[in-house]
Amino acid sequence: MRTFFILALLVGALTLGKVYFFPKPDTKTPGGSPVGVSGKGETKGKSGDKAPTIPVEIYLARTEKLTNVLAVSGTVLPNEIVELKAEVSGRLMQLNAKEGAYVNKGELIAKINDEELKAQLIKLGYLEKRAKDVEARQKRLLAVEGISREEYDIAESNVNTARADKELLMTQLAKTEIRAPFSGKLGLRAISQGAFLTPGTLVTTLVQTNPVKIDFSVPEKYASQIRVGSPVRFTADGLGASLTAQVTAISPLIDESLRTMKVRAYTSNPTGRLVPGMFVRLDVPLGNNQTIQIPTQAIVPVLKGKKVYIVREGKAQETFIKTGIRNDQQVQVMEGLAPGDSVIISSIMSLKNGASVKVKKG
């Protein structure tokens, strides 16, 4: 009996606890409308709400004349440059190489001691005269059959040998004079007067800087668009306004490692402002064509390449494009757009594919 009484008390306590701590929630408001857990008469969310319409500005794609210009870098080179070196041994007796001075073609730059060679030339002159006298006597004797033909041939050979030795020595004498092979400016001297020179000793350099060459390289995909005679604009630090050069030569080979082609242009340099070795920036024209161009701000870089948004029936539609030449304001579109497409150029970062848009007027 006592046990039954205790069980009854436990069951009653559990029942009261459930009613007190876990009351049954009402499923309706006093007016009878269903409510959420909060009991405030509102649903958890409004799944039917629409995303806001984004106001945008557009640019109508159209074909325009485009002057394709390739920006490259190049180097100024002298029209001619040569190292003036000694060709014979001897002491340097005269040095007219004033550093930086302008010299004319054929002007004497340096003179090597030639006294010994002159003495040898005098000696060879006597030997040649003697050989000629002997040859003349032998010729008279041969005419009367006083000697054999073989003896006369020896005398004639001696004359030819003496003449050849004399000409060789005269050539050596000419090499004691170092003259300018063309007009230009002298570089820094590498030797002093009185020094003993041997063949190959550098005396100075001679540089012709008017006109000058400009060498540059273009990617192989543009190789077929470069033409001899085409003008190119270029600038360099300190020059101020841009200058013009003319393409004069194109390499017939593509550099296999760099995949580029070398091009050479010439320009006049009367004031000497263009110094060999100077770095220049060039704009190389590649021709004119009709192509679609759009403002640069319309383009969105993505992992797959580049895309733009165009307006289709009030929606933003993403379109992937392939671009070409660009400048600060415009980009050439080679694939992906057609004339008449409405390209969105504002609120780009707020857009996603399919977003509702409204074109601003004006």
Protein backbone atom coordinates (compact mmCIF):
# COMPACT_ATOMS: atom_id res chain seq x y z
CA MET A 1 0.00 0.00 0.00
CA ARG A 2 2.84 2.36 0.85
CA THR A 3 4.57 1.55 -2.42
CA PHE A 4 1.41 2.33 -4.41
CA PHE A 5 1.12 5.68 -2.69
CA ILE A 6 4.73 6.62 -3.59
CA LEU A 7 4.23 5.68 -7.27
CA ALA A 8 1.07 7.78 -7.43
CA LEU A 9 2.94 10.80 -6.09
CA LEU A 10 5.72 10.39 -8.72
CA VAL A 11 3.23 10.14 -11.60
CA GLY A 12 1.41 13.21 -10.39
CA ALA A 13 4.64 15.20 -10.05
CA LEU A 14 5.74 14.29 -13.60
CA THR A 15 2.37 15.28 -15.03
CA LEU A 16 2.42 18.67 -13.30
CA GLY A 17 6.02 19.27 -14.43
CA LYS A 18 5.17 18.57 -18.09
CA VAL A 19 2.22 20.96 -18.02
CA TYR A 20 4.23 23.66 -16.26
CA PHE A 21 7.54 23.46 -18.15
CA PHE A 22 6.36 22.31 -21.63
CA PRO A 23 3.10 24.09 -22.43
CA LYS A 24 1.46 23.30 -25.81
CA PRO A 25 1.96 26.27 -28.21
CA ASP A 26 -1.02 27.94 -29.80
CA THR A 27 -1.27 27.45 -33.54
CA LYS A 28 -3.50 30.43 -34.10
CA THR A 29 -3.69 34.02 -33.08
CA PRO A 30 -6.67 35.23 -31.18
CA GLY A 31 -8.15 36.15 -34.55
CA GLY A 32 -7.60 32.66 -35.89
CA SER A 33 -4.69 33.32 -38.24
CA PRO A 34 -1.63 31.03 -38.16
CA VAL A 35 1.56 32.40 -36.63
CA GLY A 36 5.20 31.37 -36.34
CA VAL A 37 7.04 30.37 -33.21
CA SER A 38 7.47 33.97 -32.23
CA GLY A 39 3.75 34.40 -31.97
CA LYS A 40 3.85 37.86 -33.53
CA GLY A 41 1.70 37.05 -36.49
CA GLU A 42 4.51 37.16 -39.14
CA THR A 43 5.94 34.42 -41.32
CA LYS A 44 9.65 33.54 -41.20
CA GLY A 45 10.44 35.10 -44.63
CA LYS A 46 9.01 36.45 -47.85
CA SER A 47 10.16 34.08 -50.52
CA GLY A 48 8.32 36.04 -53.15
CA ASP A 49 10.40 39.30 -52.83
CA LYS A 50 12.16 40.44 -56.14
CA ALA A 51 15.82 41.59 -56.44
CA PRO A 52 16.13 45.34 -57.07
CA THR A 53 16.56 46.61 -60.62
CA ILE A 54 20.05 48.08 -61.20
CA PRO A 55 20.32 51.30 -63.22
CA VAL A 56 23.14 51.07 -65.78
CA GLU A 57 24.74 53.01 -68.60
CA ILE A 58 25.41 51.33 -71.93
CA TYR A 59 27.69 51.69 -74.94
CA LEU A 60 26.38 50.56 -78.33
CA ALA A 61 29.01 48.35 -79.95
CA ARG A 62 29.85 49.41 -83.50
CA THR A 63 32.65 48.93 -86.00
CA GLU A 64 35.19 51.72 -86.20
CA LYS A 65 38.40 52.36 -88.09
CA LEU A 66 41.30 51.20 -85.95
CA THR A 67 44.93 52.02 -86.57
CA ASN A 68 46.70 49.07 -85.03
CA VAL A 69 49.78 50.28 -83.18
CA LEU A 70 52.24 47.95 -81.48
CA ALA A 71 54.18 49.39 -78.53
CA VAL A 72 57.73 48.01 -78.27
CA SER A 73 61.10 49.07 -76.91
CA GLY A 74 64.31 49.49 -78.87
CA THR A 75 67.93 50.62 -78.74
CA VAL A 76 69.72 53.39 -80.61
CA LEU A 77 72.78 52.19 -82.52
CA PRO A 78 75.37 54.15 -84.50
CA ASN A 79 75.10 54.07 -88.26
CA GLU A 80 78.72 52.93 -88.39
CA ILE A 81 81.20 51.99 -85.68
CA VAL A 82 84.73 50.64 -85.94
CA GLU A 83 87.67 49.99 -83.65
CA LEU A 84 90.84 51.53 -85.04
CA LYS A 85 93.66 49.07 -84.37
CA ALA A 86 97.30 48.77 -85.36
CA GLU A 87 98.06 46.38 -88.22
CA VAL A 88 101.86 46.42 -87.91
CA SER A 89 104.35 46.55 -85.07
CA GLY A 90 106.14 49.75 -84.19
CA ARG A 91 106.27 52.74 -81.90
CA LEU A 92 103.39 55.23 -82.06
CA MET A 93 104.99 58.44 -83.30
CA GLN A 94 101.91 60.60 -83.97
CA LEU A 95 98.43 60.55 -82.42
CA ASN A 96 95.82 62.96 -83.74
CA ALA A 97 92.93 61.31 -81.93
CA LYS A 98 91.31 64.12 -80.01
CA GLU A 99 88.62 62.43 -77.97
CA GLY A 100 85.12 63.30 -79.16
CA ALA A 101 86.39 65.23 -82.18
CA TYR A 102 84.74 64.99 -85.58
CA VAL A 103 87.00 63.70 -88.36
CA ASN A 104 86.48 63.33 -92.09
CA LYS A 105 86.92 60.18 -94.11
CA GLY A 106 90.61 59.57 -94.90
CA GLU A 107 91.91 61.89 -92.16
CA LEU A 108 95.10 60.69 -90.43
CA ILE A 109 94.43 59.48 -86.89
CA ALA A 110 97.74 57.86 -85.89
CA LYS A 111 101.19 57.23 -87.37
CA ILE A 112 103.50 54.35 -86.46
CA ASN A 113 107.29 54.60 -86.88
CA ASP A 114 108.15 53.55 -90.45
CA GLU A 115 111.90 54.34 -90.67
CA GLU A 116 112.93 50.69 -90.81
CA LEU A 117 110.38 49.88 -93.47
CA LYS A 118 111.51 52.85 -95.56
CA ALA A 119 115.11 51.60 -95.41
CA GLN A 120 113.98 48.16 -96.54
CA LEU A 121 112.06 49.79 -99.39
CA ILE A 122 115.22 51.55 -100.60
CA LYS A 123 117.09 48.26 -100.50
CA LEU A 124 114.37 46.49 -102.45
CA GLY A 125 114.48 49.31 -105.02
CA TYR A 126 118.17 48.57 -105.69
CA LEU A 127 117.51 44.83 -105.90
CA GLU A 128 114.66 45.37 -108.34
CA LYS A 129 116.83 47.61 -110.56
CA ARG A 130 119.63 45.05 -110.59
CA ALA A 131 117.24 42.24 -111.45
CA LYS A 132 115.85 44.29 -114.33
CA ASP A 133 119.38 44.97 -115.69
CA VAL A 134 120.23 41.26 -115.56
CA GLU A 135 116.95 40.34 -117.24
CA ALA A 136 117.66 42.83 -120.05
CA ARG A 137 121.12 41.33 -120.76
CA GLN A 138 119.77 37.81 -120.64
CA LYS A 139 117.04 38.77 -123.08
CA ARG A 140 119.63 40.03 -125.59
CA LEU A 141 121.66 36.87 -125.22
CA LEU A 142 118.57 34.73 -125.66
CA ALA A 143 117.86 36.53 -128.92
CA VAL A 144 121.22 35.40 -130.37
CA GLU A 145 120.92 32.00 -128.69
CA GLY A 146 123.74 32.88 -126.32
CA ILE A 147 121.87 31.32 -123.36
CA SER A 148 119.14 28.77 -122.89
CA ARG A 149 115.49 29.64 -122.39
CA GLU A 150 115.69 28.28 -118.85
CA GLU A 151 118.44 30.75 -117.90
CA TYR A 152 116.36 33.65 -119.17
CA ASP A 153 113.30 32.45 -117.24
CA ILE A 154 115.33 32.56 -114.02
CA ALA A 155 116.33 36.18 -114.67
CA GLU A 156 112.74 37.14 -115.44
CA SER A 157 111.53 35.41 -112.28
CA ASN A 158 114.02 37.40 -110.20
CA VAL A 159 112.55 40.64 -111.56
CA ASN A 160 109.02 39.56 -110.67
CA THR A 161 110.08 38.49 -107.19
CA ALA A 162 111.82 41.81 -106.50
CA ARG A 163 108.75 43.71 -107.73
CA ALA A 164 106.42 41.64 -105.51
CA ASP A 165 108.65 42.15 -102.46
CA LYS A 166 108.62 45.89 -103.07
CA GLU A 167 104.82 46.00 -103.37
CA LEU A 168 104.45 43.98 -100.18
CA LEU A 169 106.69 46.40 -98.32
CA MET A 170 104.75 49.38 -99.66
CA THR A 171 101.60 47.77 -98.30
CA GLN A 172 103.27 47.43 -94.91
CA LEU A 173 104.27 51.09 -95.06
CA ALA A 174 100.68 52.10 -95.79
CA LYS A 175 99.57 50.22 -92.68
CA THR A 176 101.75 52.45 -90.49
CA GLU A 177 99.13 55.14 -91.05
CA ILE A 178 95.76 54.71 -89.33
CA ARG A 179 93.15 56.76 -91.18
CA ALA A 180 89.42 57.29 -90.70
CA PRO A 181 87.49 54.85 -92.93
CA PHE A 182 84.44 57.14 -92.78
CA SER A 183 83.43 60.49 -91.32
CA GLY A 184 82.41 60.45 -87.68
CA LYS A 185 83.34 61.14 -84.07
CA LEU A 186 86.34 59.68 -82.29
CA GLY A 187 85.84 57.81 -79.06
CA LEU A 188 88.13 57.62 -76.04
CA ARG A 189 91.79 56.89 -76.65
CA ALA A 190 93.05 53.49 -75.54
CA ILE A 191 96.78 54.24 -76.02
CA SER A 192 99.23 57.11 -75.62
CA GLN A 193 101.75 58.54 -78.03
CA GLY A 194 105.12 56.79 -77.76
CA ALA A 195 103.66 53.40 -76.88
CA PHE A 196 104.89 50.33 -78.77
CA LEU A 197 102.08 48.79 -80.77
CA THR A 198 101.63 45.29 -82.08
CA PRO A 199 99.06 44.07 -84.60
CA GLY A 200 95.62 44.24 -82.97
CA THR A 201 96.45 46.96 -80.43
CA LEU A 202 93.40 49.24 -80.01
CA VAL A 203 94.03 52.94 -80.59
CA THR A 204 90.51 54.41 -80.44
CA THR A 205 87.03 53.97 -81.87
CA LEU A 206 85.25 55.87 -84.62
CA VAL A 207 81.47 56.29 -84.54
CA GLN A 208 79.08 57.74 -87.10
CA THR A 209 75.96 59.07 -85.38
CA ASN A 210 74.10 60.82 -88.19
CA PRO A 211 71.97 59.05 -89.14
CA VAL A 212 71.46 56.47 -86.40
CA LYS A 213 69.87 53.03 -86.41
CA ILE A 214 67.12 51.90 -84.05
CA ASP A 215 66.86 48.15 -83.57
CA PHE A 216 63.78 46.56 -82.02
CA SER A 217 61.91 43.24 -82.00
CA VAL A 218 58.27 42.40 -82.63
CA PRO A 219 56.37 39.22 -81.63
CA GLU A 220 56.19 36.68 -84.43
CA LYS A 221 52.40 36.98 -84.75
CA TYR A 222 52.90 40.54 -86.04
CA ALA A 223 55.81 39.66 -88.35
CA SER A 224 53.72 39.64 -91.53
CA GLN A 225 52.34 43.13 -90.78
CA ILE A 226 55.69 44.97 -90.70
CA ARG A 227 56.63 46.73 -93.93
CA VAL A 228 59.90 48.25 -95.13
CA GLY A 229 59.40 51.99 -95.54
CA SER A 230 56.79 52.25 -92.79
CA PRO A 231 57.22 55.22 -90.42
CA VAL A 232 57.49 54.56 -86.69
CA ARG A 233 57.13 57.08 -83.87
CA PHE A 234 59.50 56.87 -80.91
CA THR A 235 60.32 58.70 -77.70
CA ALA A 236 63.13 58.61 -75.17
CA ASP A 237 63.74 60.12 -71.77
CA GLY A 238 64.90 63.69 -72.12
CA LEU A 239 63.90 64.09 -75.77
CA GLY A 240 60.58 65.78 -75.18
CA ALA A 241 58.43 65.45 -78.31
CA SER A 242 58.30 62.17 -80.20
CA LEU A 243 60.39 61.67 -83.34
CA THR A 244 59.96 59.63 -86.50
CA ALA A 245 62.12 56.87 -87.96
CA GLN A 246 61.66 54.73 -91.06
CA VAL A 247 61.83 50.95 -91.24
CA THR A 248 64.68 50.02 -93.59
CA ALA A 249 65.32 46.34 -92.93
CA ILE A 250 63.52 43.30 -91.52
CA SER A 251 65.28 40.14 -90.43
CA PRO A 252 64.34 37.11 -92.56
CA LEU A 253 64.50 34.87 -89.49
CA ILE A 254 62.43 34.44 -86.33
CA ASP A 255 64.34 34.06 -83.06
CA GLU A 256 63.40 30.51 -82.02
CA SER A 257 64.00 31.11 -78.31
CA LEU A 258 62.21 34.46 -77.98
CA ARG A 259 59.70 33.99 -80.84
CA THR A 260 60.42 37.51 -82.07
CA MET A 261 61.64 39.10 -85.29
CA LYS A 262 64.28 41.85 -85.44
CA VAL A 263 63.51 45.09 -87.26
CA ARG A 264 65.78 48.05 -88.05
CA ALA A 265 64.79 51.67 -88.62
CA TYR A 266 66.85 54.77 -89.48
CA THR A 267 66.43 58.38 -88.43
CA SER A 268 68.50 61.53 -88.88
CA ASN A 269 70.44 62.86 -85.91
CA PRO A 270 71.99 66.19 -86.92
CA THR A 271 72.14 67.57 -83.37
CA GLY A 272 73.50 64.39 -81.81
CA ARG A 273 70.67 64.16 -79.26
CA LEU A 274 70.26 60.47 -80.00
CA VAL A 275 73.20 58.74 -78.34
CA PRO A 276 74.10 55.15 -79.27
CA GLY A 277 72.92 52.78 -76.56
CA MET A 278 69.92 54.96 -75.66
CA PHE A 279 66.65 53.19 -74.75
CA VAL A 280 63.63 54.26 -76.79
CA ARG A 281 59.91 53.43 -76.84
CA LEU A 282 58.35 52.93 -80.27
CA ASP A 283 54.83 52.83 -81.69
CA VAL A 284 54.87 50.55 -84.72
CA PRO A 285 51.83 50.83 -87.05
CA LEU A 286 50.36 47.50 -88.14
CA GLY A 287 47.77 48.82 -90.60
CA ASN A 288 44.15 49.97 -90.49
CA ASN A 289 40.99 47.85 -90.27
CA GLN A 290 37.34 48.04 -89.26
CA THR A 291 36.77 46.49 -85.83
CA ILE A 292 34.59 46.73 -82.72
CA GLN A 293 35.98 48.84 -79.88
CA ILE A 294 34.49 49.29 -76.41
CA PRO A 295 35.46 51.36 -73.33
CA THR A 296 38.01 49.70 -71.06
CA GLN A 297 35.77 49.98 -67.98
CA ALA A 298 33.29 47.53 -69.51
CA ILE A 299 35.70 44.60 -69.28
CA VAL A 300 35.70 42.22 -66.30
CA PRO A 301 38.81 39.98 -65.95
CA VAL A 302 37.92 36.40 -64.94
CA LEU A 303 39.75 33.09 -64.70
CA LYS A 304 38.52 32.02 -68.12
CA GLY A 305 39.64 35.25 -69.74
CA LYS A 306 37.59 38.42 -70.05
CA LYS A 307 33.88 39.12 -70.10
CA VAL A 308 31.39 41.95 -70.47
CA TYR A 309 27.72 42.36 -69.65
CA ILE A 310 25.23 43.19 -72.37
CA VAL A 311 21.55 44.05 -72.00
CA ARG A 312 19.10 41.37 -73.21
CA GLU A 313 15.38 41.94 -72.55
CA GLY A 314 16.03 43.93 -69.40
CA LYS A 315 18.56 41.45 -68.02
CA ALA A 316 22.35 41.56 -67.72
CA GLN A 317 23.82 38.77 -69.81
CA GLU A 318 27.50 37.92 -69.36
CA THR A 319 29.43 37.42 -72.59
CA PHE A 320 33.01 36.21 -72.87
CA ILE A 321 35.18 38.11 -75.34
CA LYS A 322 38.60 37.99 -76.96
CA THR A 323 40.44 41.31 -76.99
CA GLY A 324 43.20 42.73 -79.15
CA ILE A 325 44.99 46.07 -79.14
CA ARG A 326 44.11 48.52 -76.40
CA ASN A 327 44.92 52.01 -75.24
CA ASP A 328 43.99 54.04 -72.16
CA GLN A 329 40.34 54.35 -73.17
CA GLN A 330 39.39 51.77 -75.79
CA VAL A 331 39.87 48.02 -76.29
CA GLN A 332 39.58 46.13 -79.55
CA VAL A 333 37.10 43.22 -79.36
CA MET A 334 38.05 40.47 -81.78
CA GLU A 335 35.41 37.89 -80.77
CA GLY A 336 32.25 37.81 -78.65
CA LEU A 337 30.38 40.98 -79.65
CA ALA A 338 28.39 42.10 -82.65
CA PRO A 339 27.54 45.60 -83.86
CA GLY A 340 24.50 46.90 -82.02
CA ASP A 341 25.10 45.02 -78.75
CA SER A 342 24.31 47.15 -75.69
CA VAL A 343 27.45 46.84 -73.55
CA ILE A 344 27.05 47.84 -69.90
CA ILE A 345 29.74 50.32 -68.81
CA SER A 346 28.59 51.25 -65.28
CA SER A 347 27.72 49.42 -62.02
CA ILE A 348 29.81 46.51 -63.30
CA MET A 349 30.72 45.20 -59.84
CA SER A 350 27.05 45.08 -58.82
CA LEU A 351 26.03 42.86 -61.71
CA LYS A 352 25.63 39.16 -62.06
CA ASN A 353 24.35 37.06 -64.89
CA GLY A 354 20.59 37.48 -65.20
CA ALA A 355 20.32 40.53 -62.96
CA SER A 356 17.51 42.96 -63.76
CA VAL A 357 18.81 46.22 -65.18
CA LYS A 358 17.37 49.49 -66.39
CA VAL A 359 19.19 51.64 -68.90
CA LYS A 360 19.66 55.22 -67.78
CA LYS A 361 18.40 57.77 -70.24
CA GLY A 362 20.48 60.66 -71.45
